[in-house]
mmCIF file of all heavy atoms, coordinates in Angstrom:
data_MODEL
# 
_entry.id   MODEL 
# 
loop_
_atom_site.group_PDB 
_atom_site.id 
_atom_site.type_symbol 
_atom_site.label_atom_id 
_atom_site.label_alt_id 
_atom_site.label_comp_id 
_atom_site.label_asym_id 
_atom_site.label_entity_id 
_atom_site.label_seq_id 
_atom_site.pdbx_PDB_ins_code 
_atom_site.Cartn_x 
_atom_site.Cartn_y 
_atom_site.Cartn_z 
_atom_site.occupancy 
_atom_site.B_iso_or_equiv 
_atom_site.pdbx_formal_charge 
_atom_site.auth_seq_id 
_atom_site.auth_comp_id 
_atom_site.auth_asym_id 
_atom_site.auth_atom_id 
_atom_site.pdbx_PDB_model_num 
ATOM 1   N N   . VAL A 1 1  ? 1.134  -285.681 64.392 1.00 0.00 ? 1  VAL A N   1 
ATOM 2   C CA  . VAL A 1 1  ? 1.681  -285.571 62.931 1.00 0.00 ? 1  VAL A CA  1 
ATOM 3   C C   . VAL A 1 1  ? 0.703  -284.759 62.122 1.00 0.00 ? 1  VAL A C   1 
ATOM 4   O O   . VAL A 1 1  ? -0.528 -284.975 62.080 1.00 0.00 ? 1  VAL A O   1 
ATOM 5   C CB  . VAL A 1 1  ? 1.863  -286.952 62.277 1.00 0.00 ? 1  VAL A CB  1 
ATOM 6   C CG1 . VAL A 1 1  ? 2.330  -286.787 60.873 1.00 0.00 ? 1  VAL A CG1 1 
ATOM 7   C CG2 . VAL A 1 1  ? 2.872  -287.743 63.146 1.00 0.00 ? 1  VAL A CG2 1 
ATOM 8   N N   . ALA A 1 2  ? 1.195  -283.737 61.452 1.00 0.00 ? 2  ALA A N   1 
ATOM 9   C CA  . ALA A 1 2  ? 0.389  -282.937 60.573 1.00 0.00 ? 2  ALA A CA  1 
ATOM 10  C C   . ALA A 1 2  ? 0.515  -283.356 59.086 1.00 0.00 ? 2  ALA A C   1 
ATOM 11  O O   . ALA A 1 2  ? -0.521 -283.391 58.404 1.00 0.00 ? 2  ALA A O   1 
ATOM 12  C CB  . ALA A 1 2  ? 0.889  -281.419 60.653 1.00 0.00 ? 2  ALA A CB  1 
ATOM 13  N N   . VAL A 1 3  ? 1.697  -283.716 58.660 1.00 0.00 ? 3  VAL A N   1 
ATOM 14  C CA  . VAL A 1 3  ? 1.898  -284.107 57.294 1.00 0.00 ? 3  VAL A CA  1 
ATOM 15  C C   . VAL A 1 3  ? 2.917  -285.272 57.232 1.00 0.00 ? 3  VAL A C   1 
ATOM 16  O O   . VAL A 1 3  ? 3.867  -285.316 57.951 1.00 0.00 ? 3  VAL A O   1 
ATOM 17  C CB  . VAL A 1 3  ? 2.614  -282.949 56.480 1.00 0.00 ? 3  VAL A CB  1 
ATOM 18  C CG1 . VAL A 1 3  ? 2.744  -283.305 54.988 1.00 0.00 ? 3  VAL A CG1 1 
ATOM 19  C CG2 . VAL A 1 3  ? 1.797  -281.674 56.632 1.00 0.00 ? 3  VAL A CG2 1 
ATOM 20  N N   . LEU A 1 4  ? 2.520  -286.257 56.415 1.00 0.00 ? 4  LEU A N   1 
ATOM 21  C CA  . LEU A 1 4  ? 3.482  -287.355 56.044 1.00 0.00 ? 4  LEU A CA  1 
ATOM 22  C C   . LEU A 1 4  ? 3.953  -287.047 54.631 1.00 0.00 ? 4  LEU A C   1 
ATOM 23  O O   . LEU A 1 4  ? 3.154  -287.011 53.760 1.00 0.00 ? 4  LEU A O   1 
ATOM 24  C CB  . LEU A 1 4  ? 2.650  -288.706 56.115 1.00 0.00 ? 4  LEU A CB  1 
ATOM 25  C CG  . LEU A 1 4  ? 3.597  -289.893 55.694 1.00 0.00 ? 4  LEU A CG  1 
ATOM 26  C CD1 . LEU A 1 4  ? 4.839  -290.126 56.520 1.00 0.00 ? 4  LEU A CD1 1 
ATOM 27  C CD2 . LEU A 1 4  ? 2.736  -291.180 55.692 1.00 0.00 ? 4  LEU A CD2 1 
ATOM 28  N N   . MET A 1 5  ? 5.276  -286.850 54.484 1.00 0.00 ? 5  MET A N   1 
ATOM 29  C CA  . MET A 1 5  ? 5.864  -286.477 53.151 1.00 0.00 ? 5  MET A CA  1 
ATOM 30  C C   . MET A 1 5  ? 6.820  -287.640 52.777 1.00 0.00 ? 5  MET A C   1 
ATOM 31  O O   . MET A 1 5  ? 7.832  -287.876 53.481 1.00 0.00 ? 5  MET A O   1 
ATOM 32  C CB  . MET A 1 5  ? 6.656  -285.207 53.393 1.00 0.00 ? 5  MET A CB  1 
ATOM 33  C CG  . MET A 1 5  ? 7.378  -284.768 52.095 1.00 0.00 ? 5  MET A CG  1 
ATOM 34  S SD  . MET A 1 5  ? 8.434  -283.332 52.447 1.00 0.00 ? 5  MET A SD  1 
ATOM 35  C CE  . MET A 1 5  ? 9.840  -284.174 53.330 1.00 0.00 ? 5  MET A CE  1 
ATOM 36  N N   . LEU A 1 6  ? 6.510  -288.339 51.754 1.00 0.00 ? 6  LEU A N   1 
ATOM 37  C CA  . LEU A 1 6  ? 7.288  -289.476 51.276 1.00 0.00 ? 6  LEU A CA  1 
ATOM 38  C C   . LEU A 1 6  ? 7.536  -289.370 49.824 1.00 0.00 ? 6  LEU A C   1 
ATOM 39  O O   . LEU A 1 6  ? 6.695  -288.856 49.013 1.00 0.00 ? 6  LEU A O   1 
ATOM 40  C CB  . LEU A 1 6  ? 6.589  -290.817 51.587 1.00 0.00 ? 6  LEU A CB  1 
ATOM 41  C CG  . LEU A 1 6  ? 6.338  -291.175 53.047 1.00 0.00 ? 6  LEU A CG  1 
ATOM 42  C CD1 . LEU A 1 6  ? 5.538  -292.317 53.042 1.00 0.00 ? 6  LEU A CD1 1 
ATOM 43  C CD2 . LEU A 1 6  ? 7.650  -291.318 53.736 1.00 0.00 ? 6  LEU A CD2 1 
ATOM 44  N N   . THR A 1 7  ? 8.670  -289.915 49.286 1.00 0.00 ? 7  THR A N   1 
ATOM 45  C CA  . THR A 1 7  ? 8.962  -290.221 47.960 1.00 0.00 ? 7  THR A CA  1 
ATOM 46  C C   . THR A 1 7  ? 8.411  -291.613 47.635 1.00 0.00 ? 7  THR A C   1 
ATOM 47  O O   . THR A 1 7  ? 8.650  -292.563 48.311 1.00 0.00 ? 7  THR A O   1 
ATOM 48  C CB  . THR A 1 7  ? 10.367 -290.136 47.643 1.00 0.00 ? 7  THR A CB  1 
ATOM 49  O OG1 . THR A 1 7  ? 10.841 -288.684 47.882 1.00 0.00 ? 7  THR A OG1 1 
ATOM 50  C CG2 . THR A 1 7  ? 10.657 -290.461 46.112 1.00 0.00 ? 7  THR A CG2 1 
ATOM 51  N N   . HIS A 1 8  ? 7.629  -291.693 46.539 1.00 0.00 ? 8  HIS A N   1 
ATOM 52  C CA  . HIS A 1 8  ? 6.936  -292.945 46.208 1.00 0.00 ? 8  HIS A CA  1 
ATOM 53  C C   . HIS A 1 8  ? 7.944  -294.060 45.994 1.00 0.00 ? 8  HIS A C   1 
ATOM 54  O O   . HIS A 1 8  ? 7.774  -295.187 46.482 1.00 0.00 ? 8  HIS A O   1 
ATOM 55  C CB  . HIS A 1 8  ? 6.071  -292.740 44.920 1.00 0.00 ? 8  HIS A CB  1 
ATOM 56  C CG  . HIS A 1 8  ? 5.202  -293.884 44.608 1.00 0.00 ? 8  HIS A CG  1 
ATOM 57  N ND1 . HIS A 1 8  ? 4.833  -294.202 43.354 1.00 0.00 ? 8  HIS A ND1 1 
ATOM 58  C CD2 . HIS A 1 8  ? 4.627  -294.826 45.405 1.00 0.00 ? 8  HIS A CD2 1 
ATOM 59  C CE1 . HIS A 1 8  ? 4.087  -295.331 43.287 1.00 0.00 ? 8  HIS A CE1 1 
ATOM 60  N NE2 . HIS A 1 8  ? 3.991  -295.691 44.549 1.00 0.00 ? 8  HIS A NE2 1 
ATOM 61  N N   . VAL A 1 9  ? 8.922  -293.752 45.196 1.00 0.00 ? 9  VAL A N   1 
ATOM 62  C CA  . VAL A 1 9  ? 10.109 -294.732 45.010 1.00 0.00 ? 9  VAL A CA  1 
ATOM 63  C C   . VAL A 1 9  ? 11.385 -294.156 45.508 1.00 0.00 ? 9  VAL A C   1 
ATOM 64  O O   . VAL A 1 9  ? 11.732 -293.006 45.076 1.00 0.00 ? 9  VAL A O   1 
ATOM 65  C CB  . VAL A 1 9  ? 10.227 -295.010 43.519 1.00 0.00 ? 9  VAL A CB  1 
ATOM 66  C CG1 . VAL A 1 9  ? 11.405 -295.958 43.232 1.00 0.00 ? 9  VAL A CG1 1 
ATOM 67  C CG2 . VAL A 1 9  ? 8.890  -295.769 42.885 1.00 0.00 ? 9  VAL A CG2 1 
ATOM 68  N N   . ASN A 1 10 ? 12.026 -294.894 46.485 1.00 0.00 ? 10 ASN A N   1 
ATOM 69  C CA  . ASN A 1 10 ? 13.175 -294.347 47.026 1.00 0.00 ? 10 ASN A CA  1 
ATOM 70  C C   . ASN A 1 10 ? 14.266 -294.193 46.052 1.00 0.00 ? 10 ASN A C   1 
ATOM 71  O O   . ASN A 1 10 ? 14.671 -295.098 45.294 1.00 0.00 ? 10 ASN A O   1 
ATOM 72  C CB  . ASN A 1 10 ? 13.648 -295.337 48.179 1.00 0.00 ? 10 ASN A CB  1 
ATOM 73  C CG  . ASN A 1 10 ? 14.795 -294.774 49.000 1.00 0.00 ? 10 ASN A CG  1 
ATOM 74  O OD1 . ASN A 1 10 ? 15.928 -294.888 48.537 1.00 0.00 ? 10 ASN A OD1 1 
ATOM 75  N ND2 . ASN A 1 10 ? 14.466 -294.248 50.090 1.00 0.00 ? 10 ASN A ND2 1 
ATOM 76  N N   . TYR A 1 11 ? 14.980 -293.030 46.006 1.00 0.00 ? 11 TYR A N   1 
ATOM 77  C CA  . TYR A 1 11 ? 15.953 -292.753 45.026 1.00 0.00 ? 11 TYR A CA  1 
ATOM 78  C C   . TYR A 1 11 ? 17.156 -293.587 45.169 1.00 0.00 ? 11 TYR A C   1 
ATOM 79  O O   . TYR A 1 11 ? 17.853 -293.913 44.152 1.00 0.00 ? 11 TYR A O   1 
ATOM 80  C CB  . TYR A 1 11 ? 16.407 -291.320 45.165 1.00 0.00 ? 11 TYR A CB  1 
ATOM 81  C CG  . TYR A 1 11 ? 17.427 -290.930 46.116 1.00 0.00 ? 11 TYR A CG  1 
ATOM 82  C CD1 . TYR A 1 11 ? 18.733 -290.721 45.843 1.00 0.00 ? 11 TYR A CD1 1 
ATOM 83  C CD2 . TYR A 1 11 ? 17.125 -290.751 47.552 1.00 0.00 ? 11 TYR A CD2 1 
ATOM 84  C CE1 . TYR A 1 11 ? 19.662 -290.488 46.784 1.00 0.00 ? 11 TYR A CE1 1 
ATOM 85  C CE2 . TYR A 1 11 ? 18.030 -290.503 48.511 1.00 0.00 ? 11 TYR A CE2 1 
ATOM 86  C CZ  . TYR A 1 11 ? 19.327 -290.333 48.063 1.00 0.00 ? 11 TYR A CZ  1 
ATOM 87  O OH  . TYR A 1 11 ? 20.286 -290.101 49.029 1.00 0.00 ? 11 TYR A OH  1 
ATOM 88  N N   . ARG A 1 12 ? 17.487 -294.082 46.460 1.00 0.00 ? 12 ARG A N   1 
ATOM 89  C CA  . ARG A 1 12 ? 18.687 -294.906 46.618 1.00 0.00 ? 12 ARG A CA  1 
ATOM 90  C C   . ARG A 1 12 ? 18.435 -296.358 46.370 1.00 0.00 ? 12 ARG A C   1 
ATOM 91  O O   . ARG A 1 12 ? 19.118 -297.053 45.596 1.00 0.00 ? 12 ARG A O   1 
ATOM 92  C CB  . ARG A 1 12 ? 19.244 -294.639 48.105 1.00 0.00 ? 12 ARG A CB  1 
ATOM 93  C CG  . ARG A 1 12 ? 20.500 -295.411 48.380 1.00 0.00 ? 12 ARG A CG  1 
ATOM 94  C CD  . ARG A 1 12 ? 20.887 -295.214 49.775 1.00 0.00 ? 12 ARG A CD  1 
ATOM 95  N NE  . ARG A 1 12 ? 21.657 -294.042 50.002 1.00 0.00 ? 12 ARG A NE  1 
ATOM 96  C CZ  . ARG A 1 12 ? 21.367 -293.023 50.886 1.00 0.00 ? 12 ARG A CZ  1 
ATOM 97  N NH1 . ARG A 1 12 ? 20.225 -293.224 51.597 1.00 0.00 ? 12 ARG A NH1 1 
ATOM 98  N NH2 . ARG A 1 12 ? 22.139 -291.970 51.024 1.00 0.00 ? 12 ARG A NH2 1 
ATOM 99  N N   . THR A 1 13 ? 17.320 -296.987 47.029 1.00 0.00 ? 13 THR A N   1 
ATOM 100 C CA  . THR A 1 13 ? 17.115 -298.377 46.894 1.00 0.00 ? 13 THR A CA  1 
ATOM 101 C C   . THR A 1 13 ? 16.170 -298.814 45.828 1.00 0.00 ? 13 THR A C   1 
ATOM 102 O O   . THR A 1 13 ? 16.136 -299.966 45.486 1.00 0.00 ? 13 THR A O   1 
ATOM 103 C CB  . THR A 1 13 ? 16.584 -298.898 48.297 1.00 0.00 ? 13 THR A CB  1 
ATOM 104 O OG1 . THR A 1 13 ? 15.301 -298.315 48.519 1.00 0.00 ? 13 THR A OG1 1 
ATOM 105 C CG2 . THR A 1 13 ? 17.539 -298.494 49.405 1.00 0.00 ? 13 THR A CG2 1 
ATOM 106 N N   . GLY A 1 14 ? 15.294 -297.912 45.436 1.00 0.00 ? 14 GLY A N   1 
ATOM 107 C CA  . GLY A 1 14 ? 14.305 -298.296 44.421 1.00 0.00 ? 14 GLY A CA  1 
ATOM 108 C C   . GLY A 1 14 ? 13.033 -298.955 45.051 1.00 0.00 ? 14 GLY A C   1 
ATOM 109 O O   . GLY A 1 14 ? 12.154 -299.403 44.342 1.00 0.00 ? 14 GLY A O   1 
ATOM 110 N N   . ALA A 1 15 ? 13.036 -298.945 46.428 1.00 0.00 ? 15 ALA A N   1 
ATOM 111 C CA  . ALA A 1 15 ? 11.939 -299.471 47.084 1.00 0.00 ? 15 ALA A CA  1 
ATOM 112 C C   . ALA A 1 15 ? 10.593 -298.636 46.941 1.00 0.00 ? 15 ALA A C   1 
ATOM 113 O O   . ALA A 1 15 ? 10.785 -297.398 46.996 1.00 0.00 ? 15 ALA A O   1 
ATOM 114 C CB  . ALA A 1 15 ? 12.224 -299.624 48.602 1.00 0.00 ? 15 ALA A CB  1 
ATOM 115 N N   . MET A 1 16 ? 9.427  -299.145 46.667 1.00 0.00 ? 16 MET A N   1 
ATOM 116 C CA  . MET A 1 16 ? 8.286  -298.469 46.318 1.00 0.00 ? 16 MET A CA  1 
ATOM 117 C C   . MET A 1 16 ? 7.260  -298.695 47.492 1.00 0.00 ? 16 MET A C   1 
ATOM 118 O O   . MET A 1 16 ? 6.995  -299.757 47.864 1.00 0.00 ? 16 MET A O   1 
ATOM 119 C CB  . MET A 1 16 ? 7.733  -298.917 44.976 1.00 0.00 ? 16 MET A CB  1 
ATOM 120 C CG  . MET A 1 16 ? 6.526  -298.187 44.568 1.00 0.00 ? 16 MET A CG  1 
ATOM 121 S SD  . MET A 1 16 ? 6.100  -298.424 42.837 1.00 0.00 ? 16 MET A SD  1 
ATOM 122 C CE  . MET A 1 16 ? 5.535  -300.159 42.913 1.00 0.00 ? 16 MET A CE  1 
ATOM 123 N N   . HIS A 1 17 ? 6.627  -297.587 47.896 1.00 0.00 ? 17 HIS A N   1 
ATOM 124 C CA  . HIS A 1 17 ? 5.630  -297.654 48.916 1.00 0.00 ? 17 HIS A CA  1 
ATOM 125 C C   . HIS A 1 17 ? 4.221  -298.016 48.194 1.00 0.00 ? 17 HIS A C   1 
ATOM 126 O O   . HIS A 1 17 ? 4.054  -297.810 47.020 1.00 0.00 ? 17 HIS A O   1 
ATOM 127 C CB  . HIS A 1 17 ? 5.384  -296.293 49.602 1.00 0.00 ? 17 HIS A CB  1 
ATOM 128 C CG  . HIS A 1 17 ? 6.519  -295.883 50.493 1.00 0.00 ? 17 HIS A CG  1 
ATOM 129 N ND1 . HIS A 1 17 ? 6.710  -296.512 51.810 1.00 0.00 ? 17 HIS A ND1 1 
ATOM 130 C CD2 . HIS A 1 17 ? 7.452  -294.940 50.382 1.00 0.00 ? 17 HIS A CD2 1 
ATOM 131 C CE1 . HIS A 1 17 ? 7.743  -295.920 52.300 1.00 0.00 ? 17 HIS A CE1 1 
ATOM 132 N NE2 . HIS A 1 17 ? 8.242  -295.017 51.472 1.00 0.00 ? 17 HIS A NE2 1 
ATOM 133 N N   . ASP A 1 18 ? 3.433  -298.660 48.999 1.00 0.00 ? 18 ASP A N   1 
ATOM 134 C CA  . ASP A 1 18 ? 2.020  -298.877 48.616 1.00 0.00 ? 18 ASP A CA  1 
ATOM 135 C C   . ASP A 1 18 ? 1.314  -297.632 48.801 1.00 0.00 ? 18 ASP A C   1 
ATOM 136 O O   . ASP A 1 18 ? 0.925  -297.183 49.947 1.00 0.00 ? 18 ASP A O   1 
ATOM 137 C CB  . ASP A 1 18 ? 1.416  -299.970 49.435 1.00 0.00 ? 18 ASP A CB  1 
ATOM 138 C CG  . ASP A 1 18 ? 0.002  -300.397 49.060 1.00 0.00 ? 18 ASP A CG  1 
ATOM 139 O OD1 . ASP A 1 18 ? -0.767 -299.484 48.570 1.00 0.00 ? 18 ASP A OD1 1 
ATOM 140 O OD2 . ASP A 1 18 ? -0.378 -301.577 49.249 1.00 0.00 ? 18 ASP A OD2 1 
ATOM 141 N N   . MET A 1 19 ? 1.041  -296.854 47.754 1.00 0.00 ? 19 MET A N   1 
ATOM 142 C CA  . MET A 1 19 ? 0.461  -295.478 47.878 1.00 0.00 ? 19 MET A CA  1 
ATOM 143 C C   . MET A 1 19 ? -0.885 -295.451 48.544 1.00 0.00 ? 19 MET A C   1 
ATOM 144 O O   . MET A 1 19 ? -1.151 -294.675 49.459 1.00 0.00 ? 19 MET A O   1 
ATOM 145 C CB  . MET A 1 19 ? 0.454  -294.815 46.442 1.00 0.00 ? 19 MET A CB  1 
ATOM 146 C CG  . MET A 1 19 ? -0.189 -293.459 46.463 1.00 0.00 ? 19 MET A CG  1 
ATOM 147 S SD  . MET A 1 19 ? -0.122 -292.567 44.908 1.00 0.00 ? 19 MET A SD  1 
ATOM 148 C CE  . MET A 1 19 ? 1.560  -292.161 44.774 1.00 0.00 ? 19 MET A CE  1 
ATOM 149 N N   . SER A 1 20 ? -1.748 -296.373 48.112 1.00 0.00 ? 20 SER A N   1 
ATOM 150 C CA  . SER A 1 20 ? -3.054 -296.446 48.685 1.00 0.00 ? 20 SER A CA  1 
ATOM 151 C C   . SER A 1 20 ? -3.052 -296.710 50.206 1.00 0.00 ? 20 SER A C   1 
ATOM 152 O O   . SER A 1 20 ? -3.740 -296.029 50.940 1.00 0.00 ? 20 SER A O   1 
ATOM 153 C CB  . SER A 1 20 ? -3.954 -297.433 47.968 1.00 0.00 ? 20 SER A CB  1 
ATOM 154 O OG  . SER A 1 20 ? -4.239 -297.023 46.636 1.00 0.00 ? 20 SER A OG  1 
ATOM 155 N N   . ALA A 1 21 ? -2.238 -297.733 50.474 1.00 0.00 ? 21 ALA A N   1 
ATOM 156 C CA  . ALA A 1 21 ? -2.187 -298.164 51.981 1.00 0.00 ? 21 ALA A CA  1 
ATOM 157 C C   . ALA A 1 21 ? -1.637 -297.127 52.864 1.00 0.00 ? 21 ALA A C   1 
ATOM 158 O O   . ALA A 1 21 ? -2.085 -296.776 53.930 1.00 0.00 ? 21 ALA A O   1 
ATOM 159 C CB  . ALA A 1 21 ? -1.404 -299.429 52.095 1.00 0.00 ? 21 ALA A CB  1 
ATOM 160 N N   . VAL A 1 22 ? -0.497 -296.523 52.385 1.00 0.00 ? 22 VAL A N   1 
ATOM 161 C CA  . VAL A 1 22 ? 0.155  -295.466 53.222 1.00 0.00 ? 22 VAL A CA  1 
ATOM 162 C C   . VAL A 1 22 ? -0.678 -294.204 53.327 1.00 0.00 ? 22 VAL A C   1 
ATOM 163 O O   . VAL A 1 22 ? -0.890 -293.631 54.440 1.00 0.00 ? 22 VAL A O   1 
ATOM 164 C CB  . VAL A 1 22 ? 1.585  -295.160 52.616 1.00 0.00 ? 22 VAL A CB  1 
ATOM 165 C CG1 . VAL A 1 22 ? 2.154  -294.035 53.379 1.00 0.00 ? 22 VAL A CG1 1 
ATOM 166 C CG2 . VAL A 1 22 ? 2.463  -296.340 52.670 1.00 0.00 ? 22 VAL A CG2 1 
ATOM 167 N N   . THR A 1 23 ? -1.337 -293.793 52.278 1.00 0.00 ? 23 THR A N   1 
ATOM 168 C CA  . THR A 1 23 ? -2.196 -292.628 52.277 1.00 0.00 ? 23 THR A CA  1 
ATOM 169 C C   . THR A 1 23 ? -3.350 -292.814 53.240 1.00 0.00 ? 23 THR A C   1 
ATOM 170 O O   . THR A 1 23 ? -3.720 -291.993 54.040 1.00 0.00 ? 23 THR A O   1 
ATOM 171 C CB  . THR A 1 23 ? -2.732 -292.314 50.827 1.00 0.00 ? 23 THR A CB  1 
ATOM 172 O OG1 . THR A 1 23 ? -1.656 -291.986 49.983 1.00 0.00 ? 23 THR A OG1 1 
ATOM 173 C CG2 . THR A 1 23 ? -3.624 -291.103 50.885 1.00 0.00 ? 23 THR A CG2 1 
ATOM 174 N N   . ALA A 1 24 ? -3.881 -294.101 53.179 1.00 0.00 ? 24 ALA A N   1 
ATOM 175 C CA  . ALA A 1 24 ? -5.067 -294.437 54.092 1.00 0.00 ? 24 ALA A CA  1 
ATOM 176 C C   . ALA A 1 24 ? -4.620 -294.355 55.556 1.00 0.00 ? 24 ALA A C   1 
ATOM 177 O O   . ALA A 1 24 ? -5.314 -293.854 56.363 1.00 0.00 ? 24 ALA A O   1 
ATOM 178 C CB  . ALA A 1 24 ? -5.582 -295.841 53.740 1.00 0.00 ? 24 ALA A CB  1 
ATOM 179 N N   . ALA A 1 25 ? -3.424 -294.893 55.788 1.00 0.00 ? 25 ALA A N   1 
ATOM 180 C CA  . ALA A 1 25 ? -2.836 -294.876 57.155 1.00 0.00 ? 25 ALA A CA  1 
ATOM 181 C C   . ALA A 1 25 ? -2.619 -293.412 57.604 1.00 0.00 ? 25 ALA A C   1 
ATOM 182 O O   . ALA A 1 25 ? -2.855 -293.076 58.793 1.00 0.00 ? 25 ALA A O   1 
ATOM 183 C CB  . ALA A 1 25 ? -1.506 -295.566 57.227 1.00 0.00 ? 25 ALA A CB  1 
# 
């Protein structure tokens, strides 16, 4: 994997990622 590309808050469900945890991963 070169790049992980995510939307912080999902446009459909409104689910939000833990930005710090995901970035660290």
